[in-house]
Amino acid sequence: MKKSLSFAALAAFSVFLLSERLPAADQITPGACKADVQKLCAGVQPGDGRIMQCMKQHESELSDACKQNIAIRKTKRKERVSEFRAACADDAKRFCADVAPGGGRKIACLRRHQSELSPTCQQALAPAGGQSSAAAAPPPAPASSSGAPAGGEDAE
């Protein structure tokens, strides 16, 4: 009995140690794409989504860690957009029904009506953890929605 208890304690401790050193499957690893960008997109001038476009062109050559980071970011972005849409759907219909979706136009419209919004939508638009207002709401989608690695959807 004592040996099996010791083995169980050792196994539990091992799992604890591994969990401390290995990132969770849904945790972003900072810098995971740095080497890929340096290798595959060295001559690309940053800005206007050029690095992401380069990475998309070389998607099959990206490291597994970079691919995982991109997939996690896409999933988290979709979750944030979905939460934002749910929080602001009624307000968007009320104040921004005539605004075409895309390019952050609906979010800009909601911000113009911030004082009139429901508390739930105001909270979704409010700065979170010291972020600027622009960082609190889901960012607008890139111009291309053709499945770019870090792409997403615009909040209507």
N, C-alpha and C. Protein backbone atom coordinates (compact mmCIF):
# COMPACT_ATOMS: atom_id res chain seq x y z
N MET A 1 0.83 -1.20 0.00
CA MET A 1 0.00 0.00 0.00
C MET A 1 0.87 1.26 0.00
N LYS A 2 1.94 1.22 0.79
CA LYS A 2 2.82 2.37 0.90
C LYS A 2 3.52 2.64 -0.43
N LYS A 3 3.93 1.56 -1.17
CA LYS A 3 4.59 1.74 -2.46
C LYS A 3 3.64 2.35 -3.48
N SER A 4 2.39 1.90 -3.50
CA SER A 4 1.45 2.45 -4.48
C SER A 4 1.11 3.90 -4.17
N LEU A 5 1.07 4.25 -2.89
CA LEU A 5 0.84 5.64 -2.51
C LEU A 5 2.03 6.50 -2.93
N SER A 6 3.24 6.02 -2.73
CA SER A 6 4.43 6.76 -3.13
C SER A 6 4.47 6.93 -4.64
N PHE A 7 4.11 5.88 -5.38
CA PHE A 7 4.09 5.96 -6.84
C PHE A 7 3.06 6.99 -7.29
N ALA A 8 1.88 6.98 -6.66
CA ALA A 8 0.84 7.95 -7.01
C ALA A 8 1.30 9.36 -6.72
N ALA A 9 1.97 9.56 -5.59
CA ALA A 9 2.47 10.89 -5.25
C ALA A 9 3.54 11.33 -6.25
N LEU A 10 4.42 10.42 -6.63
CA LEU A 10 5.46 10.72 -7.61
C LEU A 10 4.85 11.06 -8.97
N ALA A 11 3.85 10.30 -9.37
CA ALA A 11 3.18 10.56 -10.65
C ALA A 11 2.50 11.92 -10.63
N ALA A 12 1.82 12.23 -9.55
CA ALA A 12 1.15 13.52 -9.45
C ALA A 12 2.16 14.67 -9.48
N PHE A 13 3.28 14.49 -8.78
CA PHE A 13 4.31 15.51 -8.77
C PHE A 13 4.91 15.70 -10.16
N SER A 14 5.11 14.60 -10.88
CA SER A 14 5.65 14.67 -12.24
C SER A 14 4.71 15.44 -13.16
N VAL A 15 3.42 15.17 -13.05
CA VAL A 15 2.43 15.89 -13.86
C VAL A 15 2.49 17.38 -13.53
N PHE A 16 2.60 17.70 -12.25
CA PHE A 16 2.69 19.10 -11.82
C PHE A 16 3.92 19.77 -12.45
N LEU A 17 5.07 19.10 -12.38
CA LEU A 17 6.29 19.68 -12.95
C LEU A 17 6.15 19.89 -14.45
N LEU A 18 5.61 18.92 -15.15
CA LEU A 18 5.45 19.05 -16.59
C LEU A 18 4.48 20.17 -16.94
N SER A 19 3.41 20.28 -16.17
CA SER A 19 2.43 21.31 -16.47
C SER A 19 3.01 22.70 -16.23
N GLU A 20 3.96 22.82 -15.35
CA GLU A 20 4.60 24.11 -15.11
C GLU A 20 5.54 24.49 -16.26
N ARG A 21 6.13 23.51 -16.91
CA ARG A 21 7.13 23.80 -17.96
C ARG A 21 6.53 23.83 -19.35
N LEU A 22 5.51 23.06 -19.61
CA LEU A 22 4.92 23.00 -20.94
C LEU A 22 3.71 23.91 -21.02
N PRO A 23 3.58 24.68 -22.08
CA PRO A 23 2.40 25.53 -22.20
C PRO A 23 1.17 24.67 -22.44
N ALA A 24 0.03 25.14 -21.97
CA ALA A 24 -1.23 24.44 -22.22
C ALA A 24 -1.50 24.45 -23.71
N ALA A 25 -2.31 23.51 -24.16
CA ALA A 25 -2.60 23.39 -25.58
C ALA A 25 -3.29 24.63 -26.14
N ASP A 26 -3.94 25.41 -25.28
CA ASP A 26 -4.62 26.61 -25.76
C ASP A 26 -3.92 27.89 -25.31
N GLN A 27 -2.65 27.77 -24.96
CA GLN A 27 -1.88 28.92 -24.49
C GLN A 27 -0.90 29.36 -25.58
N ILE A 28 -0.88 30.64 -25.83
CA ILE A 28 0.02 31.19 -26.85
C ILE A 28 1.44 31.22 -26.31
N THR A 29 2.38 30.79 -27.12
CA THR A 29 3.80 30.81 -26.76
C THR A 29 4.43 32.04 -27.41
N PRO A 30 4.81 33.02 -26.60
CA PRO A 30 5.42 34.23 -27.17
C PRO A 30 6.66 33.89 -28.01
N GLY A 31 6.76 34.51 -29.16
CA GLY A 31 7.93 34.34 -30.01
C GLY A 31 7.95 33.06 -30.83
N ALA A 32 6.86 32.29 -30.82
CA ALA A 32 6.87 31.01 -31.53
C ALA A 32 7.04 31.18 -33.04
N CYS A 33 6.67 32.32 -33.58
CA CYS A 33 6.78 32.52 -35.02
C CYS A 33 7.97 33.39 -35.42
N LYS A 34 8.74 33.84 -34.44
CA LYS A 34 9.84 34.77 -34.73
C LYS A 34 10.83 34.18 -35.74
N ALA A 35 11.27 32.96 -35.51
CA ALA A 35 12.25 32.34 -36.41
C ALA A 35 11.64 32.13 -37.80
N ASP A 36 10.35 31.79 -37.84
CA ASP A 36 9.68 31.60 -39.13
C ASP A 36 9.64 32.90 -39.92
N VAL A 37 9.32 34.00 -39.23
CA VAL A 37 9.27 35.30 -39.90
C VAL A 37 10.66 35.68 -40.40
N GLN A 38 11.67 35.48 -39.56
CA GLN A 38 13.04 35.82 -39.95
C GLN A 38 13.50 34.98 -41.15
N LYS A 39 13.13 33.72 -41.15
CA LYS A 39 13.57 32.82 -42.21
C LYS A 39 12.79 33.02 -43.51
N LEU A 40 11.46 33.12 -43.39
CA LEU A 40 10.61 33.11 -44.57
C LEU A 40 10.25 34.49 -45.09
N CYS A 41 10.30 35.49 -44.25
CA CYS A 41 9.83 36.82 -44.62
C CYS A 41 10.86 37.91 -44.32
N ALA A 42 12.12 37.56 -44.37
CA ALA A 42 13.20 38.48 -43.99
C ALA A 42 13.16 39.79 -44.77
N GLY A 43 12.87 39.75 -46.03
CA GLY A 43 12.90 40.96 -46.85
C GLY A 43 11.58 41.71 -46.91
N VAL A 44 10.61 41.29 -46.15
CA VAL A 44 9.28 41.91 -46.21
C VAL A 44 9.23 43.11 -45.25
N GLN A 45 8.78 44.24 -45.77
CA GLN A 45 8.62 45.45 -44.97
C GLN A 45 7.39 45.31 -44.08
N PRO A 46 7.55 45.41 -42.75
CA PRO A 46 6.38 45.29 -41.86
C PRO A 46 5.37 46.40 -42.10
N GLY A 47 4.12 46.09 -41.83
CA GLY A 47 3.03 47.06 -41.95
C GLY A 47 2.02 46.64 -42.98
N ASP A 48 0.80 47.10 -42.78
CA ASP A 48 -0.31 46.83 -43.70
C ASP A 48 -0.53 45.34 -43.95
N GLY A 49 -0.21 44.50 -42.98
CA GLY A 49 -0.48 43.07 -43.09
C GLY A 49 0.49 42.31 -43.99
N ARG A 50 1.59 42.95 -44.39
CA ARG A 50 2.52 42.29 -45.32
C ARG A 50 3.18 41.06 -44.71
N ILE A 51 3.52 41.10 -43.42
CA ILE A 51 4.14 39.94 -42.78
C ILE A 51 3.15 38.79 -42.74
N MET A 52 1.90 39.07 -42.37
CA MET A 52 0.88 38.01 -42.32
C MET A 52 0.65 37.44 -43.72
N GLN A 53 0.66 38.29 -44.71
CA GLN A 53 0.48 37.80 -46.09
C GLN A 53 1.64 36.89 -46.47
N CYS A 54 2.85 37.26 -46.10
CA CYS A 54 4.02 36.43 -46.36
C CYS A 54 3.89 35.08 -45.65
N MET A 55 3.48 35.14 -44.40
CA MET A 55 3.33 33.89 -43.63
C MET A 55 2.25 33.01 -44.25
N LYS A 56 1.20 33.63 -44.74
CA LYS A 56 0.13 32.86 -45.39
C LYS A 56 0.68 32.17 -46.65
N GLN A 57 1.51 32.87 -47.40
CA GLN A 57 2.10 32.30 -48.60
C GLN A 57 3.02 31.12 -48.28
N HIS A 58 3.60 31.14 -47.09
CA HIS A 58 4.54 30.09 -46.66
C HIS A 58 3.93 29.20 -45.58
N GLU A 59 2.62 29.15 -45.50
CA GLU A 59 1.94 28.44 -44.43
C GLU A 59 2.40 27.00 -44.28
N SER A 60 2.64 26.32 -45.37
CA SER A 60 3.06 24.91 -45.29
C SER A 60 4.48 24.76 -44.75
N GLU A 61 5.26 25.85 -44.76
CA GLU A 61 6.64 25.80 -44.28
C GLU A 61 6.79 26.25 -42.82
N LEU A 62 5.71 26.72 -42.20
CA LEU A 62 5.79 27.22 -40.83
C LEU A 62 6.06 26.09 -39.85
N SER A 63 6.74 26.43 -38.76
CA SER A 63 7.02 25.45 -37.72
C SER A 63 5.71 25.04 -37.04
N ASP A 64 5.72 23.88 -36.43
CA ASP A 64 4.53 23.40 -35.73
C ASP A 64 4.12 24.36 -34.62
N ALA A 65 5.10 24.90 -33.89
CA ALA A 65 4.80 25.83 -32.79
C ALA A 65 4.13 27.09 -33.32
N CYS A 66 4.59 27.59 -34.45
CA CYS A 66 3.99 28.78 -35.05
C CYS A 66 2.57 28.47 -35.53
N LYS A 67 2.41 27.34 -36.20
CA LYS A 67 1.07 26.94 -36.65
C LYS A 67 0.11 26.82 -35.48
N GLN A 68 0.59 26.27 -34.37
CA GLN A 68 -0.26 26.12 -33.18
C GLN A 68 -0.64 27.49 -32.64
N ASN A 69 0.33 28.41 -32.56
CA ASN A 69 0.02 29.76 -32.09
C ASN A 69 -1.02 30.43 -32.96
N ILE A 70 -0.88 30.30 -34.26
CA ILE A 70 -1.82 30.91 -35.19
C ILE A 70 -3.21 30.33 -34.98
N ALA A 71 -3.30 29.02 -34.84
CA ALA A 71 -4.59 28.37 -34.62
C ALA A 71 -5.23 28.83 -33.31
N ILE A 72 -4.43 28.96 -32.26
CA ILE A 72 -4.94 29.42 -30.97
C ILE A 72 -5.44 30.86 -31.08
N ARG A 73 -4.67 31.70 -31.75
CA ARG A 73 -5.07 33.10 -31.91
C ARG A 73 -6.38 33.20 -32.69
N LYS A 74 -6.53 32.40 -33.75
CA LYS A 74 -7.76 32.41 -34.53
C LYS A 74 -8.94 32.01 -33.66
N THR A 75 -8.77 30.96 -32.88
CA THR A 75 -9.85 30.48 -32.01
C THR A 75 -10.22 31.53 -30.98
N LYS A 76 -9.23 32.11 -30.33
CA LYS A 76 -9.50 33.12 -29.30
C LYS A 76 -10.16 34.35 -29.92
N ARG A 77 -9.72 34.73 -31.09
CA ARG A 77 -10.32 35.89 -31.77
C ARG A 77 -11.78 35.62 -32.10
N LYS A 78 -12.06 34.43 -32.62
CA LYS A 78 -13.45 34.09 -32.93
C LYS A 78 -14.31 34.11 -31.67
N GLU A 79 -13.76 33.63 -30.56
CA GLU A 79 -14.49 33.66 -29.29
C GLU A 79 -14.78 35.09 -28.86
N ARG A 80 -13.75 35.98 -28.95
CA ARG A 80 -13.95 37.37 -28.57
C ARG A 80 -14.99 38.05 -29.45
N VAL A 81 -14.91 37.80 -30.74
CA VAL A 81 -15.86 38.40 -31.67
C VAL A 81 -17.27 37.91 -31.37
N SER A 82 -17.41 36.63 -31.12
CA SER A 82 -18.72 36.05 -30.81
C SER A 82 -19.29 36.66 -29.53
N GLU A 83 -18.46 36.78 -28.50
CA GLU A 83 -18.89 37.39 -27.23
C GLU A 83 -19.29 38.85 -27.45
N PHE A 84 -18.50 39.56 -28.24
CA PHE A 84 -18.79 40.97 -28.51
C PHE A 84 -20.11 41.10 -29.27
N ARG A 85 -20.29 40.27 -30.27
CA ARG A 85 -21.54 40.32 -31.05
C ARG A 85 -22.75 40.04 -30.16
N ALA A 86 -22.64 39.04 -29.29
CA ALA A 86 -23.75 38.71 -28.40
C ALA A 86 -24.05 39.88 -27.46
N ALA A 87 -23.02 40.53 -26.95
CA ALA A 87 -23.20 41.63 -26.01
C ALA A 87 -23.80 42.86 -26.67
N CYS A 88 -23.52 43.06 -27.95
CA CYS A 88 -23.91 44.30 -28.62
C CYS A 88 -24.91 44.12 -29.76
N ALA A 89 -25.46 42.95 -29.93
CA ALA A 89 -26.35 42.69 -31.07
C ALA A 89 -27.55 43.65 -31.09
N ASP A 90 -28.23 43.78 -29.97
CA ASP A 90 -29.41 44.66 -29.93
C ASP A 90 -29.04 46.12 -30.17
N ASP A 91 -27.93 46.55 -29.57
CA ASP A 91 -27.48 47.93 -29.75
C ASP A 91 -27.07 48.19 -31.20
N ALA A 92 -26.41 47.21 -31.81
CA ALA A 92 -26.01 47.37 -33.21
C ALA A 92 -27.23 47.51 -34.11
N LYS A 93 -28.27 46.72 -33.83
CA LYS A 93 -29.52 46.84 -34.62
C LYS A 93 -30.17 48.19 -34.40
N ARG A 94 -30.16 48.64 -33.15
CA ARG A 94 -30.84 49.89 -32.80
C ARG A 94 -30.13 51.12 -33.36
N PHE A 95 -28.81 51.18 -33.21
CA PHE A 95 -28.08 52.39 -33.56
C PHE A 95 -27.33 52.32 -34.89
N CYS A 96 -27.03 51.12 -35.37
CA CYS A 96 -26.12 51.00 -36.51
C CYS A 96 -26.66 50.11 -37.62
N ALA A 97 -27.96 49.99 -37.71
CA ALA A 97 -28.58 49.11 -38.71
C ALA A 97 -28.21 49.51 -40.14
N ASP A 98 -28.00 50.78 -40.38
CA ASP A 98 -27.70 51.26 -41.73
C ASP A 98 -26.21 51.27 -42.05
N VAL A 99 -25.39 50.80 -41.12
CA VAL A 99 -23.93 50.81 -41.31
C VAL A 99 -23.50 49.47 -41.91
N ALA A 100 -22.75 49.54 -42.99
CA ALA A 100 -22.27 48.31 -43.65
C ALA A 100 -21.20 47.64 -42.77
N PRO A 101 -21.28 46.31 -42.61
CA PRO A 101 -20.26 45.62 -41.81
C PRO A 101 -18.92 45.58 -42.53
N GLY A 102 -17.87 45.45 -41.73
CA GLY A 102 -16.52 45.35 -42.28
C GLY A 102 -15.70 46.58 -41.99
N GLY A 103 -14.42 46.37 -41.83
CA GLY A 103 -13.50 47.48 -41.62
C GLY A 103 -13.67 48.21 -40.30
N GLY A 104 -14.39 47.61 -39.35
CA GLY A 104 -14.57 48.23 -38.05
C GLY A 104 -15.65 49.31 -38.02
N ARG A 105 -16.45 49.41 -39.10
CA ARG A 105 -17.47 50.47 -39.18
C ARG A 105 -18.55 50.32 -38.10
N LYS A 106 -18.99 49.09 -37.83
CA LYS A 106 -20.02 48.88 -36.79
C LYS A 106 -19.48 49.24 -35.42
N ILE A 107 -18.24 48.86 -35.13
CA ILE A 107 -17.64 49.19 -33.84
C ILE A 107 -17.52 50.71 -33.70
N ALA A 108 -17.10 51.38 -34.75
CA ALA A 108 -16.99 52.84 -34.72
C ALA A 108 -18.37 53.46 -34.47
N CYS A 109 -19.39 52.93 -35.10
CA CYS A 109 -20.75 53.42 -34.89
C CYS A 109 -21.17 53.23 -33.43
N LEU A 110 -20.91 52.04 -32.89
CA LEU A 110 -21.26 51.79 -31.49
C LEU A 110 -20.52 52.74 -30.57
N ARG A 111 -19.28 53.03 -30.86
CA ARG A 111 -18.51 53.97 -30.02
C ARG A 111 -19.10 55.38 -30.08
N ARG A 112 -19.63 55.75 -31.24
CA ARG A 112 -20.26 57.07 -31.35
C ARG A 112 -21.51 57.15 -30.46
N HIS A 113 -22.12 56.01 -30.20
CA HIS A 113 -23.34 55.96 -29.38
C HIS A 113 -23.06 55.39 -27.98
N GLN A 114 -21.83 55.40 -27.56
CA GLN A 114 -21.41 54.72 -26.32
C GLN A 114 -22.30 55.07 -25.12
N SER A 115 -22.64 56.31 -24.94
CA SER A 115 -23.43 56.70 -23.77
C SER A 115 -24.86 56.18 -23.83
N GLU A 116 -25.32 55.78 -25.00
CA GLU A 116 -26.69 55.29 -25.17
C GLU A 116 -26.78 53.76 -25.16
N LEU A 117 -25.66 53.08 -25.13
CA LEU A 117 -25.64 51.62 -25.24
C LEU A 117 -26.07 50.93 -23.96
N SER A 118 -26.47 49.68 -24.11
CA SER A 118 -26.80 48.86 -22.94
C SER A 118 -25.54 48.67 -22.11
N PRO A 119 -25.70 48.44 -20.80
CA PRO A 119 -24.53 48.22 -19.95
C PRO A 119 -23.65 47.07 -20.44
N THR A 120 -24.27 46.01 -20.96
CA THR A 120 -23.50 44.86 -21.44
C THR A 120 -22.61 45.25 -22.62
N CYS A 121 -23.17 46.00 -23.54
CA CYS A 121 -22.40 46.42 -24.71
C CYS A 121 -21.35 47.46 -24.31
N GLN A 122 -21.70 48.36 -23.40
CA GLN A 122 -20.71 49.34 -22.92
C GLN A 122 -19.52 48.62 -22.31
N GLN A 123 -19.78 47.57 -21.55
CA GLN A 123 -18.69 46.81 -20.93
C GLN A 123 -17.84 46.13 -22.00
N ALA A 124 -18.48 45.61 -23.04
CA ALA A 124 -17.73 44.96 -24.12
C ALA A 124 -16.85 45.95 -24.86
N LEU A 125 -17.28 47.19 -24.94
CA LEU A 125 -16.49 48.23 -25.62
C LEU A 125 -15.47 48.90 -24.71
N ALA A 126 -15.65 48.77 -23.39
CA ALA A 126 -14.79 49.45 -22.43
C ALA A 126 -13.39 48.87 -22.43
N PRO A 127 -12.41 49.69 -22.05
CA PRO A 127 -11.05 49.16 -21.92
C PRO A 127 -11.01 48.03 -20.90
N ALA A 128 -10.23 47.00 -21.22
CA ALA A 128 -10.10 45.84 -20.33
C ALA A 128 -8.67 45.75 -19.84
N GLY A 129 -8.48 45.76 -18.53
CA GLY A 129 -7.15 45.60 -17.96
C GLY A 129 -6.16 46.65 -18.40
N GLY A 130 -6.64 47.89 -18.55
CA GLY A 130 -5.73 48.97 -18.90
C GLY A 130 -5.49 49.10 -20.39
N GLN A 131 -6.17 48.30 -21.21
CA GLN A 131 -6.00 48.43 -22.65
C GLN A 131 -6.73 49.67 -23.13
N SER A 132 -6.35 50.13 -24.29
CA SER A 132 -7.07 51.25 -24.87
C SER A 132 -8.41 50.76 -25.37
N SER A 133 -9.32 51.66 -25.66
CA SER A 133 -10.63 51.28 -26.17
C SER A 133 -10.50 50.47 -27.44
N ALA A 134 -9.54 50.83 -28.28
CA ALA A 134 -9.36 50.11 -29.53
C ALA A 134 -8.95 48.67 -29.27
N ALA A 135 -8.19 48.43 -28.21
CA ALA A 135 -7.75 47.07 -27.92
C ALA A 135 -8.82 46.26 -27.21
N ALA A 136 -9.78 46.91 -26.56
CA ALA A 136 -10.79 46.19 -25.80
C ALA A 136 -11.77 45.48 -26.71
N ALA A 137 -12.21 46.15 -27.75
CA ALA A 137 -13.16 45.55 -28.67
C ALA A 137 -12.39 44.71 -29.68
N PRO A 138 -13.05 43.72 -30.27
CA PRO A 138 -12.36 42.92 -31.27
C PRO A 138 -11.89 43.81 -32.41
N PRO A 139 -10.66 43.64 -32.86
CA PRO A 139 -10.17 44.46 -33.95
C PRO A 139 -10.87 44.10 -35.25
N PRO A 140 -10.95 45.03 -36.19
CA PRO A 140 -11.58 44.71 -37.46
C PRO A 140 -10.80 43.63 -38.19
N ALA A 141 -11.51 42.90 -39.02
CA ALA A 141 -10.88 41.83 -39.79
C ALA A 141 -9.98 42.42 -40.84
N PRO A 142 -8.96 41.66 -41.25
CA PRO A 142 -8.13 42.12 -42.36
C PRO A 142 -8.97 42.17 -43.63
N ALA A 143 -8.49 42.93 -44.59
CA ALA A 143 -9.24 43.10 -45.83
C ALA A 143 -9.52 41.76 -46.50
N SER A 144 -8.60 40.83 -46.40
CA SER A 144 -8.78 39.52 -47.01
C SER A 144 -9.31 38.55 -45.99
N SER A 145 -10.43 37.90 -46.27
CA SER A 145 -10.97 36.89 -45.35
C SER A 145 -10.81 35.51 -45.95
N SER A 146 -9.72 35.31 -46.68
CA SER A 146 -9.50 34.06 -47.38
C SER A 146 -8.77 33.03 -46.54
N GLY A 147 -8.93 33.12 -45.21
CA GLY A 147 -8.33 32.10 -44.35
C GLY A 147 -6.89 32.38 -43.99
N ALA A 148 -6.50 33.66 -43.96
CA ALA A 148 -5.14 33.99 -43.53
C ALA A 148 -4.90 33.44 -42.14
N PRO A 149 -3.69 33.05 -41.83
CA PRO A 149 -3.42 32.41 -40.55
C PRO A 149 -3.95 33.13 -39.34
N ALA A 150 -3.84 34.45 -39.26
CA ALA A 150 -4.31 35.14 -38.08
C ALA A 150 -5.58 35.90 -38.34
N GLY A 151 -6.25 35.62 -39.41
CA GLY A 151 -7.46 36.36 -39.79
C GLY A 151 -8.59 36.11 -38.85
N GLY A 152 -9.67 36.81 -39.09
CA GLY A 152 -10.84 36.65 -38.26
C GLY A 152 -11.99 37.35 -38.90
N GLU A 153 -13.00 37.61 -38.12
CA GLU A 153 -14.18 38.25 -38.65
C GLU A 153 -14.36 39.59 -37.99
N ASP A 154 -14.98 40.49 -38.69
CA ASP A 154 -15.27 41.80 -38.15
C ASP A 154 -16.53 41.70 -37.32
N ALA A 155 -16.56 42.40 -36.23
CA ALA A 155 -17.79 42.46 -35.45
C ALA A 155 -18.78 43.27 -36.26
N GLU A 156 -19.92 42.73 -36.47
CA GLU A 156 -20.93 43.42 -37.28
C GLU A 156 -21.24 44.69 -36.64
